[in-house]
Amino acid sequence: MAKFLFIYHGGSQPETPEEGEKVMGQWMSWIGGHGSTFVDGGNPVGPSKTVTASGVADNGGANPASGYGIVEAASIDAAAEIAKGCPIHQAGGSVEVAEIIEM
């Protein structure tokens, strides 16, 4: 089985502690519902910097990441099927799926 990186983009922050608990429950249910498929359930990420040959910018790039996860799946299509159920979609976000190439 190959490993795939889920890069979460966008979404929104819960406005109340109660909403935060509800959203966290949705994430934990989704991740837990896939058993050992999730090698690393991931975490949210903070603001990023874009580093290029000409310097460093505090802009996070064209589509800043808001979090990550790592799953094992038979193919990128199978990983994309898992990503379809991600709770970030309910908050207007998206999931980028990329195979992790072992070196």
N, C-alpha and C. Protein backbone atom coordinates (compact mmCIF):
# COMPACT_ATOMS: atom_id res chain seq x y z
N MET A 1 0.83 -1.18 0.00
CA MET A 1 0.00 0.00 0.00
C MET A 1 0.87 1.24 0.00
N ALA A 2 0.45 2.21 -0.75
CA ALA A 2 1.18 3.48 -0.83
C ALA A 2 0.65 4.44 0.24
N LYS A 3 1.45 5.44 0.56
CA LYS A 3 1.03 6.49 1.49
C LYS A 3 0.70 7.74 0.68
N PHE A 4 -0.30 8.45 1.16
CA PHE A 4 -0.75 9.67 0.50
C PHE A 4 -0.87 10.80 1.51
N LEU A 5 -0.42 11.97 1.08
CA LEU A 5 -0.51 13.17 1.90
C LEU A 5 -1.81 13.88 1.57
N PHE A 6 -2.60 14.15 2.60
CA PHE A 6 -3.79 14.99 2.46
C PHE A 6 -3.38 16.39 2.90
N ILE A 7 -3.51 17.35 2.02
CA ILE A 7 -3.23 18.74 2.36
C ILE A 7 -4.57 19.46 2.37
N TYR A 8 -4.97 19.93 3.54
CA TYR A 8 -6.25 20.61 3.69
C TYR A 8 -6.07 22.09 3.39
N HIS A 9 -7.00 22.63 2.60
CA HIS A 9 -6.98 24.05 2.23
C HIS A 9 -8.30 24.69 2.63
N GLY A 10 -8.19 25.88 3.16
CA GLY A 10 -9.39 26.65 3.47
C GLY A 10 -10.14 26.13 4.68
N GLY A 11 -11.44 26.28 4.62
CA GLY A 11 -12.28 25.95 5.76
C GLY A 11 -12.45 27.17 6.62
N SER A 12 -13.13 27.01 7.72
CA SER A 12 -13.35 28.14 8.62
C SER A 12 -13.17 27.68 10.06
N GLN A 13 -12.89 28.63 10.92
CA GLN A 13 -12.73 28.35 12.34
C GLN A 13 -14.10 28.35 13.01
N PRO A 14 -14.35 27.42 13.92
CA PRO A 14 -15.61 27.44 14.67
C PRO A 14 -15.75 28.76 15.43
N GLU A 15 -16.97 29.25 15.54
CA GLU A 15 -17.21 30.54 16.19
C GLU A 15 -17.44 30.43 17.69
N THR A 16 -17.82 29.24 18.17
CA THR A 16 -18.06 29.06 19.60
C THR A 16 -17.37 27.77 20.07
N PRO A 17 -17.14 27.65 21.37
CA PRO A 17 -16.56 26.40 21.88
C PRO A 17 -17.44 25.19 21.57
N GLU A 18 -18.75 25.37 21.61
CA GLU A 18 -19.66 24.27 21.31
C GLU A 18 -19.54 23.83 19.86
N GLU A 19 -19.45 24.80 18.96
CA GLU A 19 -19.26 24.49 17.55
C GLU A 19 -17.90 23.81 17.34
N GLY A 20 -16.89 24.26 18.07
CA GLY A 20 -15.57 23.65 17.98
C GLY A 20 -15.60 22.19 18.39
N GLU A 21 -16.33 21.87 19.46
CA GLU A 21 -16.46 20.48 19.90
C GLU A 21 -17.18 19.64 18.85
N LYS A 22 -18.20 20.22 18.24
CA LYS A 22 -18.95 19.51 17.20
C LYS A 22 -18.06 19.21 16.00
N VAL A 23 -17.32 20.21 15.55
CA VAL A 23 -16.43 20.05 14.39
C VAL A 23 -15.33 19.03 14.71
N MET A 24 -14.75 19.12 15.90
CA MET A 24 -13.71 18.16 16.30
C MET A 24 -14.28 16.75 16.31
N GLY A 25 -15.50 16.60 16.78
CA GLY A 25 -16.15 15.29 16.78
C GLY A 25 -16.32 14.74 15.37
N GLN A 26 -16.67 15.62 14.42
CA GLN A 26 -16.82 15.19 13.02
C GLN A 26 -15.49 14.70 12.46
N TRP A 27 -14.41 15.44 12.76
CA TRP A 27 -13.08 15.04 12.28
C TRP A 27 -12.66 13.71 12.90
N MET A 28 -12.85 13.57 14.21
CA MET A 28 -12.44 12.34 14.88
C MET A 28 -13.26 11.14 14.39
N SER A 29 -14.53 11.37 14.12
CA SER A 29 -15.38 10.30 13.59
C SER A 29 -14.93 9.88 12.20
N TRP A 30 -14.61 10.86 11.36
CA TRP A 30 -14.16 10.57 9.99
C TRP A 30 -12.83 9.81 10.02
N ILE A 31 -11.88 10.30 10.78
CA ILE A 31 -10.56 9.65 10.87
C ILE A 31 -10.72 8.26 11.51
N GLY A 32 -11.43 8.19 12.62
CA GLY A 32 -11.62 6.92 13.31
C GLY A 32 -12.40 5.90 12.49
N GLY A 33 -13.28 6.38 11.64
CA GLY A 33 -14.08 5.50 10.79
C GLY A 33 -13.26 4.79 9.72
N HIS A 34 -12.03 5.22 9.54
CA HIS A 34 -11.16 4.60 8.53
C HIS A 34 -10.09 3.72 9.17
N GLY A 35 -10.25 3.44 10.47
CA GLY A 35 -9.35 2.52 11.16
C GLY A 35 -7.89 2.87 10.99
N SER A 36 -7.10 1.88 10.61
CA SER A 36 -5.65 2.08 10.49
C SER A 36 -5.24 2.71 9.16
N THR A 37 -6.23 3.09 8.33
CA THR A 37 -5.92 3.76 7.06
C THR A 37 -5.12 5.04 7.31
N PHE A 38 -5.47 5.76 8.38
CA PHE A 38 -4.75 6.99 8.71
C PHE A 38 -3.47 6.63 9.45
N VAL A 39 -2.34 6.82 8.78
CA VAL A 39 -1.03 6.60 9.38
C VAL A 39 -0.73 7.73 10.36
N ASP A 40 -1.18 8.93 10.01
CA ASP A 40 -1.02 10.13 10.85
C ASP A 40 -2.28 10.95 10.65
N GLY A 41 -3.07 11.10 11.71
CA GLY A 41 -4.31 11.86 11.60
C GLY A 41 -4.09 13.32 11.29
N GLY A 42 -2.86 13.78 11.46
CA GLY A 42 -2.51 15.15 11.09
C GLY A 42 -2.88 16.17 12.13
N ASN A 43 -2.79 17.42 11.73
CA ASN A 43 -3.07 18.57 12.59
C ASN A 43 -3.34 19.78 11.72
N PRO A 44 -3.97 20.80 12.30
CA PRO A 44 -4.04 22.08 11.61
C PRO A 44 -2.63 22.68 11.54
N VAL A 45 -2.42 23.61 10.64
CA VAL A 45 -1.14 24.31 10.56
C VAL A 45 -1.39 25.81 10.64
N GLY A 46 -0.37 26.53 11.09
CA GLY A 46 -0.45 27.97 11.22
C GLY A 46 -0.06 28.68 9.94
N PRO A 47 0.03 30.00 10.01
CA PRO A 47 0.44 30.79 8.84
C PRO A 47 1.80 30.32 8.32
N SER A 48 1.95 30.38 7.01
CA SER A 48 3.20 29.90 6.39
C SER A 48 3.92 31.03 5.66
N LYS A 49 5.13 30.74 5.28
CA LYS A 49 5.95 31.64 4.47
C LYS A 49 6.25 30.92 3.16
N THR A 50 6.32 31.67 2.09
CA THR A 50 6.69 31.13 0.80
C THR A 50 8.15 31.52 0.53
N VAL A 51 8.99 30.51 0.34
CA VAL A 51 10.42 30.74 0.14
C VAL A 51 10.77 30.44 -1.32
N THR A 52 11.32 31.42 -2.00
CA THR A 52 11.76 31.26 -3.38
C THR A 52 13.21 31.71 -3.49
N ALA A 53 13.79 31.55 -4.66
CA ALA A 53 15.17 31.98 -4.87
C ALA A 53 15.33 33.48 -4.67
N SER A 54 14.25 34.23 -4.84
CA SER A 54 14.34 35.68 -4.72
C SER A 54 13.98 36.21 -3.33
N GLY A 55 13.59 35.32 -2.42
CA GLY A 55 13.30 35.81 -1.07
C GLY A 55 12.22 35.03 -0.35
N VAL A 56 11.73 35.62 0.73
CA VAL A 56 10.72 35.01 1.57
C VAL A 56 9.53 35.94 1.66
N ALA A 57 8.32 35.39 1.46
CA ALA A 57 7.09 36.19 1.55
C ALA A 57 6.18 35.58 2.61
N ASP A 58 5.47 36.43 3.32
CA ASP A 58 4.54 35.99 4.36
C ASP A 58 3.14 35.78 3.80
N ASN A 59 3.03 35.25 2.59
CA ASN A 59 1.71 35.18 1.97
C ASN A 59 1.09 33.79 1.93
N GLY A 60 1.81 32.75 2.31
CA GLY A 60 1.25 31.41 2.30
C GLY A 60 1.02 30.83 0.92
N GLY A 61 1.43 31.49 -0.11
CA GLY A 61 1.27 30.96 -1.46
C GLY A 61 -0.11 31.19 -2.03
N ALA A 62 -0.35 30.63 -3.20
CA ALA A 62 -1.61 30.83 -3.90
C ALA A 62 -2.79 30.17 -3.19
N ASN A 63 -2.56 29.05 -2.51
CA ASN A 63 -3.62 28.32 -1.84
C ASN A 63 -3.07 27.79 -0.51
N PRO A 64 -3.01 28.61 0.52
CA PRO A 64 -2.35 28.22 1.77
C PRO A 64 -2.94 26.95 2.39
N ALA A 65 -2.07 26.15 2.95
CA ALA A 65 -2.51 24.94 3.64
C ALA A 65 -3.10 25.31 4.99
N SER A 66 -4.13 24.57 5.41
CA SER A 66 -4.71 24.78 6.73
C SER A 66 -4.50 23.55 7.63
N GLY A 67 -3.97 22.45 7.05
CA GLY A 67 -3.70 21.25 7.82
C GLY A 67 -3.22 20.12 6.93
N TYR A 68 -2.98 18.96 7.55
CA TYR A 68 -2.49 17.81 6.79
C TYR A 68 -2.93 16.51 7.47
N GLY A 69 -2.82 15.41 6.74
CA GLY A 69 -3.00 14.06 7.26
C GLY A 69 -2.26 13.11 6.33
N ILE A 70 -2.01 11.88 6.77
CA ILE A 70 -1.36 10.88 5.93
C ILE A 70 -2.16 9.59 6.01
N VAL A 71 -2.51 9.04 4.84
CA VAL A 71 -3.26 7.79 4.78
C VAL A 71 -2.53 6.76 3.94
N GLU A 72 -2.86 5.50 4.17
CA GLU A 72 -2.40 4.42 3.31
C GLU A 72 -3.59 3.97 2.47
N ALA A 73 -3.36 3.79 1.18
CA ALA A 73 -4.42 3.34 0.29
C ALA A 73 -3.81 2.60 -0.89
N ALA A 74 -4.65 1.85 -1.59
CA ALA A 74 -4.20 1.05 -2.72
C ALA A 74 -3.82 1.90 -3.92
N SER A 75 -4.43 3.09 -4.04
CA SER A 75 -4.17 3.96 -5.19
C SER A 75 -4.56 5.38 -4.84
N ILE A 76 -4.17 6.32 -5.69
CA ILE A 76 -4.55 7.72 -5.46
C ILE A 76 -6.06 7.88 -5.58
N ASP A 77 -6.69 7.08 -6.44
CA ASP A 77 -8.15 7.14 -6.56
C ASP A 77 -8.82 6.67 -5.27
N ALA A 78 -8.28 5.62 -4.65
CA ALA A 78 -8.82 5.14 -3.38
C ALA A 78 -8.63 6.20 -2.29
N ALA A 79 -7.47 6.85 -2.28
CA ALA A 79 -7.22 7.92 -1.31
C ALA A 79 -8.18 9.09 -1.53
N ALA A 80 -8.44 9.42 -2.79
CA ALA A 80 -9.37 10.51 -3.11
C ALA A 80 -10.78 10.18 -2.63
N GLU A 81 -11.17 8.91 -2.70
CA GLU A 81 -12.48 8.49 -2.19
C GLU A 81 -12.57 8.75 -0.69
N ILE A 82 -11.50 8.47 0.03
CA ILE A 82 -11.48 8.74 1.47
C ILE A 82 -11.61 10.25 1.71
N ALA A 83 -10.90 11.04 0.91
CA ALA A 83 -10.90 12.50 1.07
C ALA A 83 -12.27 13.11 0.80
N LYS A 84 -13.10 12.45 0.01
CA LYS A 84 -14.43 12.97 -0.29
C LYS A 84 -15.27 13.14 0.97
N GLY A 85 -15.02 12.32 1.99
CA GLY A 85 -15.80 12.39 3.21
C GLY A 85 -15.26 13.35 4.26
N CYS A 86 -14.21 14.08 3.94
CA CYS A 86 -13.57 14.97 4.91
C CYS A 86 -14.51 16.09 5.36
N PRO A 87 -14.58 16.34 6.66
CA PRO A 87 -15.43 17.41 7.19
C PRO A 87 -15.07 18.81 6.70
N ILE A 88 -13.87 19.00 6.17
CA ILE A 88 -13.49 20.34 5.72
C ILE A 88 -14.39 20.84 4.58
N HIS A 89 -14.98 19.90 3.84
CA HIS A 89 -15.86 20.30 2.75
C HIS A 89 -17.08 21.05 3.26
N GLN A 90 -17.55 20.69 4.45
CA GLN A 90 -18.71 21.36 5.05
C GLN A 90 -18.39 22.80 5.43
N ALA A 91 -17.10 23.12 5.56
CA ALA A 91 -16.68 24.47 5.93
C ALA A 91 -16.13 25.24 4.72
N GLY A 92 -16.39 24.72 3.50
CA GLY A 92 -15.96 25.41 2.29
C GLY A 92 -14.53 25.14 1.88
N GLY A 93 -13.87 24.16 2.51
CA GLY A 93 -12.48 23.86 2.19
C GLY A 93 -12.34 22.72 1.19
N SER A 94 -11.11 22.33 0.94
CA SER A 94 -10.82 21.26 -0.01
C SER A 94 -9.65 20.41 0.50
N VAL A 95 -9.47 19.25 -0.13
CA VAL A 95 -8.38 18.35 0.22
C VAL A 95 -7.58 18.06 -1.04
N GLU A 96 -6.30 18.34 -1.00
CA GLU A 96 -5.39 17.97 -2.07
C GLU A 96 -4.78 16.63 -1.68
N VAL A 97 -4.73 15.68 -2.62
CA VAL A 97 -4.21 14.34 -2.35
C VAL A 97 -2.97 14.13 -3.22
N ALA A 98 -1.85 13.76 -2.59
CA ALA A 98 -0.61 13.54 -3.33
C ALA A 98 0.08 12.29 -2.79
N GLU A 99 0.58 11.44 -3.68
CA GLU A 99 1.30 10.25 -3.24
C GLU A 99 2.65 10.65 -2.65
N ILE A 100 3.00 10.01 -1.56
CA ILE A 100 4.31 10.20 -0.94
C ILE A 100 5.24 9.20 -1.59
N ILE A 101 6.24 9.65 -2.28
CA ILE A 101 7.17 8.78 -2.99
C ILE A 101 8.30 8.38 -2.05
N GLU A 102 8.42 7.09 -1.81
CA GLU A 102 9.49 6.58 -0.95
C GLU A 102 10.82 6.71 -1.69
N MET A 103 11.84 7.18 -1.00
CA MET A 103 13.17 7.36 -1.60
C MET A 103 14.12 6.32 -1.03
